[in-house]
Amino acid sequence: MAQLPICQHCHTEWTYKDTVGSLFRLQCSYCGKKNHFSRQFRWREPIFFLLVMGINFFILPILNISFILKILIISLILFMYIATLPFGLKLTKEEEPYF
């Protein structure tokens, strides 16, 4: 089962609202300390980008649908990604290098 992130300083599990609210600054609303994305979590971004580009450039042209519908499909995929982002978020105390 997907779990919401846990602050690596005070070990408090964040709520969905807290996670979405601090998604870009990653500051714990309980202890006020800054957390960082884990290396494992940051690898989701390029995979998601490649998935969206593959859908946009290979699958949608085959379907022969209108441009507006293509934008709606890509927007829906982006919305679903952002809505489910807090459930897979892994945090660390210190920033980790990519490699």
N, C-alpha and C. Protein backbone atom coordinates (compact mmCIF):
# COMPACT_ATOMS: atom_id res chain seq x y z
N MET A 1 0.84 -1.19 0.00
CA MET A 1 0.00 0.00 0.00
C MET A 1 0.88 1.24 0.00
N ALA A 2 0.46 2.24 -0.74
CA ALA A 2 1.23 3.48 -0.83
C ALA A 2 1.16 4.22 0.50
N GLN A 3 2.28 4.83 0.83
CA GLN A 3 2.39 5.51 2.11
C GLN A 3 2.77 6.96 1.88
N LEU A 4 2.25 7.83 2.71
CA LEU A 4 2.61 9.24 2.64
C LEU A 4 4.00 9.42 3.23
N PRO A 5 4.69 10.51 2.87
CA PRO A 5 6.06 10.69 3.35
C PRO A 5 6.14 10.91 4.86
N ILE A 6 7.31 10.58 5.39
CA ILE A 6 7.59 10.75 6.82
C ILE A 6 8.77 11.71 6.93
N CYS A 7 8.63 12.72 7.78
CA CYS A 7 9.70 13.67 8.02
C CYS A 7 10.91 12.91 8.58
N GLN A 8 12.07 13.17 8.02
CA GLN A 8 13.27 12.47 8.45
C GLN A 8 13.89 13.07 9.70
N HIS A 9 13.34 14.19 10.16
CA HIS A 9 13.86 14.83 11.37
C HIS A 9 13.00 14.48 12.59
N CYS A 10 11.69 14.68 12.49
CA CYS A 10 10.80 14.42 13.65
C CYS A 10 10.03 13.11 13.51
N HIS A 11 10.16 12.42 12.38
CA HIS A 11 9.52 11.12 12.10
C HIS A 11 8.00 11.16 12.19
N THR A 12 7.42 12.28 11.78
CA THR A 12 5.98 12.43 11.73
C THR A 12 5.50 12.18 10.31
N GLU A 13 4.45 11.37 10.16
CA GLU A 13 3.88 11.12 8.84
C GLU A 13 3.06 12.33 8.42
N TRP A 14 3.34 12.84 7.24
CA TRP A 14 2.63 14.00 6.73
C TRP A 14 1.26 13.58 6.22
N THR A 15 0.32 14.50 6.28
CA THR A 15 -0.99 14.26 5.69
C THR A 15 -0.90 14.58 4.20
N TYR A 16 -1.92 14.19 3.45
CA TYR A 16 -1.93 14.47 2.01
C TYR A 16 -1.89 15.98 1.78
N LYS A 17 -2.67 16.73 2.56
CA LYS A 17 -2.73 18.19 2.42
C LYS A 17 -1.37 18.81 2.74
N ASP A 18 -0.71 18.35 3.80
CA ASP A 18 0.62 18.86 4.14
C ASP A 18 1.62 18.58 3.03
N THR A 19 1.55 17.39 2.46
CA THR A 19 2.49 16.99 1.42
C THR A 19 2.30 17.83 0.16
N VAL A 20 1.06 18.01 -0.26
CA VAL A 20 0.81 18.81 -1.46
C VAL A 20 1.20 20.27 -1.21
N GLY A 21 0.93 20.76 -0.01
CA GLY A 21 1.27 22.14 0.32
C GLY A 21 2.76 22.41 0.37
N SER A 22 3.54 21.42 0.73
CA SER A 22 4.99 21.63 0.84
C SER A 22 5.76 20.85 -0.21
N LEU A 23 5.12 20.52 -1.31
CA LEU A 23 5.74 19.69 -2.34
C LEU A 23 6.97 20.34 -2.96
N PHE A 24 7.00 21.65 -3.07
CA PHE A 24 8.12 22.31 -3.72
C PHE A 24 9.17 22.83 -2.74
N ARG A 25 8.79 23.02 -1.48
CA ARG A 25 9.78 23.48 -0.51
C ARG A 25 10.19 22.39 0.45
N LEU A 26 9.37 21.36 0.62
CA LEU A 26 9.65 20.18 1.45
C LEU A 26 10.02 20.52 2.89
N GLN A 27 9.37 21.53 3.42
CA GLN A 27 9.60 21.90 4.81
C GLN A 27 8.51 21.27 5.67
N CYS A 28 8.90 20.59 6.72
CA CYS A 28 7.95 19.91 7.59
C CYS A 28 7.09 20.94 8.31
N SER A 29 5.78 20.75 8.29
CA SER A 29 4.89 21.69 8.97
C SER A 29 4.84 21.42 10.47
N TYR A 30 5.43 20.33 10.92
CA TYR A 30 5.43 19.99 12.34
C TYR A 30 6.69 20.48 13.05
N CYS A 31 7.87 20.21 12.48
CA CYS A 31 9.11 20.64 13.13
C CYS A 31 9.78 21.82 12.42
N GLY A 32 9.36 22.12 11.18
CA GLY A 32 9.89 23.26 10.45
C GLY A 32 11.22 23.02 9.74
N LYS A 33 11.75 21.82 9.81
CA LYS A 33 13.04 21.53 9.17
C LYS A 33 12.84 21.09 7.72
N LYS A 34 13.86 21.37 6.91
CA LYS A 34 13.80 21.06 5.48
C LYS A 34 14.20 19.61 5.23
N ASN A 35 13.44 18.95 4.38
CA ASN A 35 13.75 17.61 3.90
C ASN A 35 14.14 17.71 2.44
N HIS A 36 14.65 16.62 1.89
CA HIS A 36 15.06 16.59 0.48
C HIS A 36 14.48 15.35 -0.17
N PHE A 37 14.30 15.43 -1.51
CA PHE A 37 13.87 14.25 -2.26
C PHE A 37 14.97 13.21 -2.22
N SER A 38 14.61 11.95 -2.08
CA SER A 38 15.61 10.88 -2.13
C SER A 38 16.01 10.64 -3.58
N ARG A 39 17.15 10.02 -3.75
CA ARG A 39 17.64 9.70 -5.09
C ARG A 39 16.66 8.77 -5.80
N GLN A 40 16.10 7.84 -5.08
CA GLN A 40 15.14 6.88 -5.64
C GLN A 40 13.91 7.61 -6.18
N PHE A 41 13.43 8.60 -5.46
CA PHE A 41 12.25 9.33 -5.90
C PHE A 41 12.54 10.20 -7.12
N ARG A 42 13.70 10.84 -7.16
CA ARG A 42 14.02 11.74 -8.28
C ARG A 42 14.11 11.02 -9.61
N TRP A 43 14.32 9.72 -9.62
CA TRP A 43 14.38 8.98 -10.88
C TRP A 43 13.01 8.80 -11.50
N ARG A 44 11.94 9.11 -10.76
CA ARG A 44 10.60 9.01 -11.33
C ARG A 44 10.36 10.08 -12.39
N GLU A 45 10.96 11.25 -12.23
CA GLU A 45 10.71 12.36 -13.14
C GLU A 45 11.13 12.06 -14.58
N PRO A 46 12.36 11.60 -14.83
CA PRO A 46 12.70 11.30 -16.24
C PRO A 46 11.88 10.16 -16.82
N ILE A 47 11.52 9.19 -15.99
CA ILE A 47 10.69 8.09 -16.48
C ILE A 47 9.31 8.61 -16.88
N PHE A 48 8.73 9.47 -16.05
CA PHE A 48 7.43 10.06 -16.38
C PHE A 48 7.54 10.91 -17.64
N PHE A 49 8.61 11.69 -17.77
CA PHE A 49 8.80 12.53 -18.94
C PHE A 49 8.86 11.68 -20.21
N LEU A 50 9.63 10.59 -20.17
CA LEU A 50 9.72 9.71 -21.33
C LEU A 50 8.38 9.05 -21.65
N LEU A 51 7.62 8.70 -20.64
CA LEU A 51 6.30 8.12 -20.85
C LEU A 51 5.37 9.11 -21.56
N VAL A 52 5.34 10.35 -21.08
CA VAL A 52 4.48 11.36 -21.70
C VAL A 52 4.93 11.66 -23.13
N MET A 53 6.24 11.76 -23.35
CA MET A 53 6.73 12.02 -24.70
C MET A 53 6.41 10.85 -25.63
N GLY A 54 6.52 9.63 -25.13
CA GLY A 54 6.18 8.46 -25.94
C GLY A 54 4.71 8.46 -26.32
N ILE A 55 3.86 8.78 -25.38
CA ILE A 55 2.42 8.85 -25.67
C ILE A 55 2.15 9.97 -26.66
N ASN A 56 2.76 11.13 -26.44
CA ASN A 56 2.49 12.29 -27.27
C ASN A 56 3.00 12.13 -28.70
N PHE A 57 4.16 11.53 -28.88
CA PHE A 57 4.75 11.48 -30.22
C PHE A 57 4.54 10.16 -30.96
N PHE A 58 4.14 9.10 -30.25
CA PHE A 58 3.98 7.82 -30.93
C PHE A 58 2.55 7.28 -30.90
N ILE A 59 1.89 7.38 -29.77
CA ILE A 59 0.56 6.78 -29.65
C ILE A 59 -0.54 7.73 -30.14
N LEU A 60 -0.50 8.99 -29.70
CA LEU A 60 -1.56 9.93 -30.09
C LEU A 60 -1.61 10.20 -31.60
N PRO A 61 -0.49 10.29 -32.31
CA PRO A 61 -0.60 10.48 -33.77
C PRO A 61 -1.25 9.30 -34.48
N ILE A 62 -1.09 8.11 -33.96
CA ILE A 62 -1.71 6.93 -34.57
C ILE A 62 -3.23 6.99 -34.43
N LEU A 63 -3.71 7.57 -33.32
CA LEU A 63 -5.15 7.61 -33.07
C LEU A 63 -5.89 8.62 -33.94
N ASN A 64 -5.17 9.56 -34.55
CA ASN A 64 -5.77 10.55 -35.45
C ASN A 64 -6.92 11.30 -34.77
N ILE A 65 -6.62 11.92 -33.63
CA ILE A 65 -7.61 12.70 -32.89
C ILE A 65 -7.24 14.17 -32.94
N SER A 66 -8.17 15.02 -32.54
CA SER A 66 -7.96 16.46 -32.64
C SER A 66 -6.90 16.93 -31.63
N PHE A 67 -6.37 18.11 -31.91
CA PHE A 67 -5.33 18.69 -31.07
C PHE A 67 -5.85 18.97 -29.66
N ILE A 68 -7.07 19.45 -29.55
CA ILE A 68 -7.67 19.76 -28.25
C ILE A 68 -7.80 18.48 -27.42
N LEU A 69 -8.21 17.40 -28.02
CA LEU A 69 -8.33 16.13 -27.30
C LEU A 69 -6.96 15.63 -26.86
N LYS A 70 -5.94 15.85 -27.68
CA LYS A 70 -4.58 15.47 -27.30
C LYS A 70 -4.13 16.26 -26.06
N ILE A 71 -4.41 17.54 -26.06
CA ILE A 71 -4.05 18.38 -24.91
C ILE A 71 -4.80 17.92 -23.66
N LEU A 72 -6.06 17.56 -23.81
CA LEU A 72 -6.84 17.08 -22.67
C LEU A 72 -6.28 15.76 -22.12
N ILE A 73 -5.85 14.87 -23.00
CA ILE A 73 -5.29 13.59 -22.57
C ILE A 73 -3.98 13.81 -21.82
N ILE A 74 -3.09 14.63 -22.37
CA ILE A 74 -1.82 14.92 -21.71
C ILE A 74 -2.06 15.63 -20.39
N SER A 75 -3.02 16.55 -20.34
CA SER A 75 -3.35 17.25 -19.09
C SER A 75 -3.88 16.29 -18.04
N LEU A 76 -4.70 15.35 -18.46
CA LEU A 76 -5.23 14.35 -17.53
C LEU A 76 -4.11 13.47 -16.97
N ILE A 77 -3.17 13.07 -17.81
CA ILE A 77 -2.04 12.27 -17.34
C ILE A 77 -1.20 13.07 -16.35
N LEU A 78 -0.96 14.34 -16.65
CA LEU A 78 -0.20 15.20 -15.75
C LEU A 78 -0.92 15.40 -14.42
N PHE A 79 -2.22 15.61 -14.46
CA PHE A 79 -3.00 15.77 -13.24
C PHE A 79 -2.95 14.50 -12.38
N MET A 80 -3.08 13.34 -13.01
CA MET A 80 -3.03 12.09 -12.26
C MET A 80 -1.65 11.89 -11.63
N TYR A 81 -0.60 12.27 -12.34
CA TYR A 81 0.75 12.15 -11.79
C TYR A 81 0.92 13.04 -10.56
N ILE A 82 0.48 14.29 -10.66
CA ILE A 82 0.62 15.22 -9.54
C ILE A 82 -0.25 14.79 -8.37
N ALA A 83 -1.45 14.27 -8.64
CA ALA A 83 -2.36 13.85 -7.57
C ALA A 83 -1.81 12.63 -6.81
N THR A 84 -1.07 11.76 -7.49
CA THR A 84 -0.53 10.57 -6.83
C THR A 84 0.91 10.76 -6.37
N LEU A 85 1.52 11.87 -6.68
CA LEU A 85 2.90 12.13 -6.31
C LEU A 85 3.18 12.01 -4.81
N PRO A 86 2.34 12.53 -3.93
CA PRO A 86 2.64 12.43 -2.49
C PRO A 86 2.71 11.00 -1.96
N PHE A 87 2.07 10.05 -2.61
CA PHE A 87 2.05 8.69 -2.08
C PHE A 87 3.36 7.94 -2.29
N GLY A 88 4.17 8.35 -3.21
CA GLY A 88 5.43 7.68 -3.45
C GLY A 88 6.63 8.49 -3.03
N LEU A 89 6.38 9.63 -2.38
CA LEU A 89 7.44 10.56 -2.03
C LEU A 89 8.33 9.98 -0.94
N LYS A 90 9.63 9.92 -1.21
CA LYS A 90 10.62 9.47 -0.25
C LYS A 90 11.51 10.65 0.09
N LEU A 91 11.74 10.86 1.38
CA LEU A 91 12.51 12.01 1.84
C LEU A 91 13.81 11.56 2.50
N THR A 92 14.79 12.47 2.51
CA THR A 92 16.04 12.25 3.21
C THR A 92 16.40 13.53 3.98
N LYS A 93 17.30 13.41 4.95
CA LYS A 93 17.75 14.58 5.70
C LYS A 93 18.68 15.45 4.87
N GLU A 94 19.58 14.82 4.15
CA GLU A 94 20.57 15.54 3.35
C GLU A 94 20.30 15.28 1.88
N GLU A 95 20.68 16.25 1.06
CA GLU A 95 20.50 16.09 -0.38
C GLU A 95 21.47 15.04 -0.91
N GLU A 96 20.95 14.10 -1.70
CA GLU A 96 21.75 13.01 -2.25
C GLU A 96 22.10 13.33 -3.70
N PRO A 97 23.30 12.94 -4.13
CA PRO A 97 23.63 13.12 -5.56
C PRO A 97 22.81 12.16 -6.42
N TYR A 98 22.68 12.48 -7.69
CA TYR A 98 21.91 11.63 -8.60
C TYR A 98 22.58 10.29 -8.80
N PHE A 99 23.90 10.26 -8.83
CA PHE A 99 24.61 9.01 -9.11
C PHE A 99 25.40 8.55 -7.92
